[in-house]
Structure formats: C-alpha cells, structure tokens
Amino acid sequence: MRSPPRSPPSRRMRPSRRRLAGGALAAAIAAQMAWLRCALAAGSVEKGVYRVRGDVRINGVPAKEGMDVKAGDVITTGPASEVLFVAGKDAFLIRANARVQTEGAAGALLLTGLRIVTGAVLSVFAPGEPKTLTTPTAVIGIRGTGIYVEAEPARTYACVCYGVAELVSVMDPAARETVRTRHHEQPRYIMGAGAPQMLMGAPVINHTDEELILLEGLVGRRPPFYSPYPRERRTSGY
C-alpha cells in the first residue's frame, strides 16, 4: 500500500526544548524505574489504579490508588488530571479531559479493549492477546503493541509506537491500513465524515519514550527500543 501523504506538521517540539524536557523527564522516570525493578522483583506491583493526579473518577466515584479497573467501567478525567492503571498484562495512561469506557465481560479484570469517547490514552499491550480500541472515527485492532491515541469528534490521532495494529475508518471500513513499526515511524490521522481522505499521515506528538518505558515496566516488560542509556533513546512529544 502506498504511504498516505503527510499532513502539515503541528505542534512539534523544538530540538532544544525537547532535549531539556527529555532530560528532566528521563531523570524522573529513571528514579521511578529503579523503584519498579525492586517492586517487580518482590511481586508487589498490584493491578488496578497505580497513580492518580487531579480529578479522576471511575463510574462517578473518585479514583484512588489500588482501586480495581473492571470491564464496563467508565473513567473520566478533569482538567490537569491523569490516571495510570494496570489491567491484566496491559497498562494505560489516560490524560486530562478524557472519557473512556473499558470493554470485556462485565465486571472482569481482563479487558478486551477501550472505547475512547474523547481525550488521549497511551497504552501498552501484551503480545499474542488481540485487543480493540474504538473512537468516534476509528476502530484499531491491537496485536501486542504500544499505541498512543487522541480521540476528537472529527478525527483520531493514532501513533503505533511499536508493534502491529490495523487502523480502520468508521466512516468507510474499506479505508484501512495495517501498520508495523518499531519506533513511532508511521503516525496516522483517521478522519471523520466529510474528509477527502480517511487515513492521513501525521507527526509524532504528545507522548514520550519514557512514558512507554514506565508503562511497560509496570507489567514487567521493556519496549523494543529500550536502552538503559537515555542518550540512545528518542524523546517524542510537543
């Protein structure tokens, strides 16, 4: 398949700002990862909500660390808020102003996917366990992947950070693409009704390698690009 034309770049981080932000974030994540290695060795990283910042609610109830996240739950985040949680062998970071419903057998702790109504979600999934992410404009089939998604009414942004995913337009199911990446090579916009093209190229925005390393660490894995030396990793963001 011919690669979709790239849309105009938006909100890219200047190199100097990226280095400064990446260095500070890398230092914070390094400390977090040291704790995680000890916790994982001791078997003390629990499933459920790992970290809460700001106004986060699960089924309308304020979220707390250690709270279970089950299939059928509705998670909402307010301004300047986020939640990080683990479900089975998968881990998720939901950013501010989001509304997300978990999917699967009602009440189960193992999820089959997420319905992202609005907002941004960074997710890492175990290999060999197919999952599905749905948004107002896209259906994304996951096959053991790290993926960042931003859902808006008129379009979905999807960066398959590594792994394999199938991107399908809700408006035109014939418009689909299987994306295989190792390190953020093929971000896409999946457009809504009225767009001249359903799948379009996109820049890398709003998520970092350090966040992916943190999420994978919560479930005892490392992303394929992982290096213990920060200078060998790229920080993606805006």
Protein backbone atom coordinates (compact mmCIF):
# COMPACT_ATOMS: atom_id res chain seq x y z
CA MET A 1 0.00 0.00 0.00
CA ARG A 2 1.23 3.45 -0.88
CA SER A 3 2.00 5.51 2.22
CA PRO A 4 -0.65 8.18 2.86
CA PRO A 5 0.52 11.77 2.20
CA ARG A 6 1.71 13.52 5.31
CA SER A 7 -0.42 16.32 6.68
CA PRO A 8 1.23 19.61 7.67
CA PRO A 9 3.29 19.26 10.88
CA SER A 10 1.62 20.56 14.01
CA ARG A 11 2.88 21.42 17.49
CA ARG A 12 6.34 19.89 17.08
CA MET A 13 8.79 20.36 19.89
CA ARG A 14 11.86 22.49 19.16
CA PRO A 15 15.06 20.42 19.46
CA SER A 16 16.43 22.46 22.37
CA ARG A 17 13.15 22.26 24.27
CA ARG A 18 12.90 18.54 23.52
CA ARG A 19 16.37 17.90 24.95
CA LEU A 20 15.65 19.87 28.12
CA ALA A 21 12.23 18.31 28.67
CA GLY A 22 13.53 14.86 27.79
CA GLY A 23 16.44 15.16 30.22
CA ALA A 24 14.25 16.21 33.14
CA LEU A 25 11.66 13.57 32.39
CA ALA A 26 14.32 10.90 31.92
CA ALA A 27 15.74 11.64 35.36
CA ALA A 28 12.31 11.34 36.97
CA ILE A 29 11.49 8.15 35.10
CA ALA A 30 14.89 6.66 35.97
CA ALA A 31 14.09 7.02 39.67
CA GLN A 32 10.63 5.56 39.08
CA MET A 33 12.09 2.63 37.14
CA ALA A 34 14.54 1.84 39.95
CA TRP A 35 11.60 1.51 42.33
CA LEU A 36 9.70 -0.58 39.79
CA ARG A 37 12.55 -3.04 39.37
CA CYS A 38 12.58 -3.65 43.12
CA ALA A 39 8.78 -3.87 43.29
CA LEU A 40 8.56 -6.26 40.37
CA ALA A 41 11.27 -8.46 41.88
CA ALA A 42 9.27 -8.57 45.09
CA GLY A 43 5.98 -9.16 43.25
CA SER A 44 4.47 -6.07 44.88
CA VAL A 45 3.17 -4.13 41.86
CA GLU A 46 -0.59 -4.52 42.13
CA LYS A 47 -3.15 -4.49 39.34
CA GLY A 48 -5.61 -1.61 39.23
CA VAL A 49 -5.02 2.10 39.68
CA TYR A 50 -1.33 2.83 40.11
CA ARG A 51 -1.29 6.64 40.12
CA VAL A 52 -3.90 9.41 40.20
CA ARG A 53 -3.41 13.10 39.60
CA GLY A 54 -6.22 15.66 39.83
CA ASP A 55 -9.90 14.85 39.33
CA VAL A 56 -10.24 11.26 38.13
CA ARG A 57 -13.44 9.25 38.51
CA ILE A 58 -14.37 5.65 37.87
CA ASN A 59 -18.13 5.24 37.44
CA GLY A 60 -18.51 8.65 39.08
CA VAL A 61 -16.51 7.69 42.18
CA PRO A 62 -13.19 9.48 42.85
CA ALA A 63 -10.36 7.14 41.85
CA LYS A 64 -7.83 6.03 44.44
CA GLU A 65 -4.58 4.11 44.15
CA GLY A 66 -5.21 0.37 44.37
CA MET A 67 -8.79 0.60 43.06
CA ASP A 68 -9.71 -2.15 40.59
CA VAL A 69 -10.50 -1.24 37.00
CA LYS A 70 -13.01 -3.69 35.53
CA ALA A 71 -14.65 -4.24 32.17
CA GLY A 72 -17.60 -1.89 31.73
CA ASP A 73 -16.13 0.87 33.91
CA VAL A 74 -16.34 4.47 32.73
CA ILE A 75 -13.25 6.53 33.51
CA THR A 76 -13.32 10.31 33.32
CA THR A 77 -10.54 12.83 33.93
CA GLY A 78 -10.83 16.56 34.54
CA PRO A 79 -8.50 19.38 33.52
CA ALA A 80 -4.84 18.89 34.51
CA SER A 81 -5.67 15.32 35.59
CA GLU A 82 -4.49 11.84 34.64
CA VAL A 83 -4.67 8.24 35.78
CA LEU A 84 -2.29 5.32 35.25
CA PHE A 85 -3.62 1.79 35.76
CA VAL A 86 -2.84 -1.85 35.07
CA ALA A 87 -5.33 -4.46 33.83
CA GLY A 88 -4.04 -7.98 33.34
CA LYS A 89 -0.82 -7.73 31.32
CA ASP A 90 -1.69 -4.31 29.88
CA ALA A 91 -1.05 -0.80 31.22
CA PHE A 92 -2.70 2.52 30.44
CA LEU A 93 -2.18 6.25 30.93
CA ILE A 94 -5.31 8.37 30.43
CA ARG A 95 -4.68 12.09 30.11
CA ALA A 96 -6.79 15.13 31.03
CA ASN A 97 -10.36 15.81 29.84
CA ALA A 98 -10.97 12.23 28.75
CA ARG A 99 -13.91 9.86 28.83
CA VAL A 100 -13.02 6.19 28.35
CA GLN A 101 -15.05 3.01 28.78
CA THR A 102 -13.30 -0.30 29.38
CA GLU A 103 -14.58 -3.29 27.42
CA GLY A 104 -14.84 -7.01 28.09
CA ALA A 105 -17.05 -9.41 30.05
CA ALA A 106 -18.96 -7.31 32.58
CA GLY A 107 -17.02 -6.95 35.81
CA ALA A 108 -13.97 -8.86 34.57
CA LEU A 109 -10.48 -7.66 35.44
CA LEU A 110 -9.21 -8.69 32.00
CA LEU A 111 -10.10 -6.15 29.32
CA THR A 112 -10.70 -6.76 25.62
CA GLY A 113 -10.22 -3.11 24.73
CA LEU A 114 -11.22 0.50 25.29
CA ARG A 115 -13.87 2.79 23.88
CA ILE A 116 -12.22 6.23 23.86
CA VAL A 117 -15.06 8.75 23.56
CA THR A 118 -12.78 11.75 23.92
CA GLY A 119 -9.30 12.50 25.18
CA ALA A 120 -5.85 10.91 24.96
CA VAL A 121 -4.69 7.45 26.04
CA LEU A 122 -1.25 5.84 25.95
CA SER A 123 -1.43 2.03 26.18
CA VAL A 124 0.89 -0.97 26.12
CA PHE A 125 -0.50 -4.43 25.37
CA ALA A 126 0.88 -7.93 25.88
CA PRO A 127 1.86 -9.82 22.71
CA GLY A 128 -0.50 -12.52 21.48
CA GLU A 129 -3.67 -11.13 23.07
CA PRO A 130 -5.73 -9.22 20.45
CA LYS A 131 -7.48 -6.10 21.75
CA THR A 132 -9.59 -3.37 20.16
CA LEU A 133 -9.63 0.40 20.65
CA THR A 134 -12.60 2.31 19.30
CA THR A 135 -13.10 6.07 18.89
CA PRO A 136 -15.72 8.18 17.12
CA THR A 137 -13.82 7.80 13.81
CA ALA A 138 -11.64 4.67 14.13
CA VAL A 139 -11.51 1.01 15.06
CA ILE A 140 -7.97 -0.08 15.93
CA GLY A 141 -7.09 -3.77 16.19
CA ILE A 142 -4.15 -4.39 18.52
CA ARG A 143 -1.70 -7.30 18.28
CA GLY A 144 0.75 -6.68 21.10
CA THR A 145 1.52 -3.03 20.70
CA GLY A 146 2.41 0.25 22.29
CA ILE A 147 -0.01 2.87 20.97
CA TYR A 148 -0.97 6.47 21.65
CA VAL A 149 -4.46 7.66 20.68
CA GLU A 150 -6.16 11.07 20.79
CA ALA A 151 -9.90 10.99 20.10
CA GLU A 152 -11.82 14.01 18.81
CA PRO A 153 -15.24 14.16 17.15
CA ALA A 154 -13.77 14.96 13.72
CA ARG A 155 -10.63 12.82 13.76
CA THR A 156 -8.50 10.32 15.66
CA TYR A 157 -4.75 10.54 16.05
CA ALA A 158 -3.02 7.16 16.35
CA CYS A 159 0.69 6.52 16.74
CA VAL A 160 1.60 2.84 16.77
CA CYS A 161 4.76 3.35 18.81
CA TYR A 162 5.89 -0.23 18.18
CA GLY A 163 4.23 -3.46 17.16
CA VAL A 164 1.37 -4.09 14.76
CA ALA A 165 -2.11 -2.57 14.55
CA GLU A 166 -4.87 -2.39 11.98
CA LEU A 167 -6.42 1.04 11.55
CA VAL A 168 -9.96 1.09 10.12
CA SER A 169 -12.15 4.09 9.36
CA VAL A 170 -15.59 4.04 10.99
CA MET A 171 -16.96 6.17 8.13
CA ASP A 172 -15.55 3.94 5.38
CA PRO A 173 -14.50 0.45 6.55
CA ALA A 174 -12.79 -0.11 3.20
CA ALA A 175 -10.28 2.54 4.22
CA ARG A 176 -7.87 0.56 6.37
CA GLU A 177 -4.17 0.08 6.89
CA THR A 178 -2.01 -2.42 8.77
CA VAL A 179 0.79 -0.50 10.46
CA ARG A 180 4.01 -2.19 11.61
CA THR A 181 6.53 -0.10 13.49
CA ARG A 182 9.44 -0.30 15.89
CA HIS A 183 9.76 3.33 16.98
CA HIS A 184 6.96 5.77 16.06
CA GLU A 185 7.58 5.53 12.29
CA GLN A 186 4.00 5.83 10.98
CA PRO A 187 1.56 8.05 12.95
CA ARG A 188 -1.84 8.49 11.31
CA TYR A 189 -4.97 10.61 11.43
CA ILE A 190 -8.21 8.67 10.88
CA MET A 191 -10.66 11.28 9.71
CA GLY A 192 -14.39 11.77 10.21
CA ALA A 193 -17.25 12.37 7.81
CA GLY A 194 -16.64 14.85 5.02
CA ALA A 195 -12.86 14.48 4.88
CA PRO A 196 -11.45 13.95 1.37
CA GLN A 197 -9.26 11.11 2.66
CA MET A 198 -9.96 8.84 5.62
CA LEU A 199 -6.35 7.95 6.58
CA MET A 200 -3.65 10.60 6.52
CA GLY A 201 -0.04 10.83 7.65
CA ALA A 202 0.63 12.68 10.91
CA PRO A 203 3.57 13.91 13.03
CA VAL A 204 4.70 12.37 16.31
CA ILE A 205 3.08 14.40 19.10
CA ASN A 206 2.27 14.47 22.80
CA HIS A 207 3.83 11.23 24.13
CA THR A 208 7.30 10.11 25.17
CA ASP A 209 9.52 7.06 25.17
CA GLU A 210 9.97 7.46 28.92
CA GLU A 211 6.22 7.11 29.45
CA LEU A 212 6.23 3.91 27.39
CA ILE A 213 9.14 2.55 29.43
CA LEU A 214 7.24 3.33 32.63
CA LEU A 215 4.06 1.59 31.43
CA GLU A 216 5.90 -1.48 30.20
CA GLY A 217 7.81 -1.59 33.50
CA LEU A 218 4.53 -1.85 35.41
CA VAL A 219 3.82 -5.16 33.67
CA GLY A 220 7.39 -6.46 33.76
CA ARG A 221 8.39 -5.71 30.17
CA ARG A 222 10.57 -3.31 28.19
CA PRO A 223 9.71 -1.72 24.83
CA PRO A 224 11.75 -2.94 21.84
CA PHE A 225 13.65 0.33 21.55
CA TYR A 226 14.71 0.26 25.21
CA SER A 227 18.24 1.24 26.12
CA PRO A 228 19.49 1.80 29.69
CA TYR A 229 21.33 4.86 28.37
CA PRO A 230 18.98 7.87 27.89
CA ARG A 231 21.09 9.39 25.10
CA GLU A 232 20.32 6.36 22.94
CA ARG A 233 16.57 6.90 23.23
CA ARG A 234 14.48 9.42 21.37
CA THR A 235 12.03 11.56 23.31
CA SER A 236 8.85 12.18 21.30
CA GLY A 237 6.48 14.97 22.24
CA TYR A 238 5.46 18.52 21.53
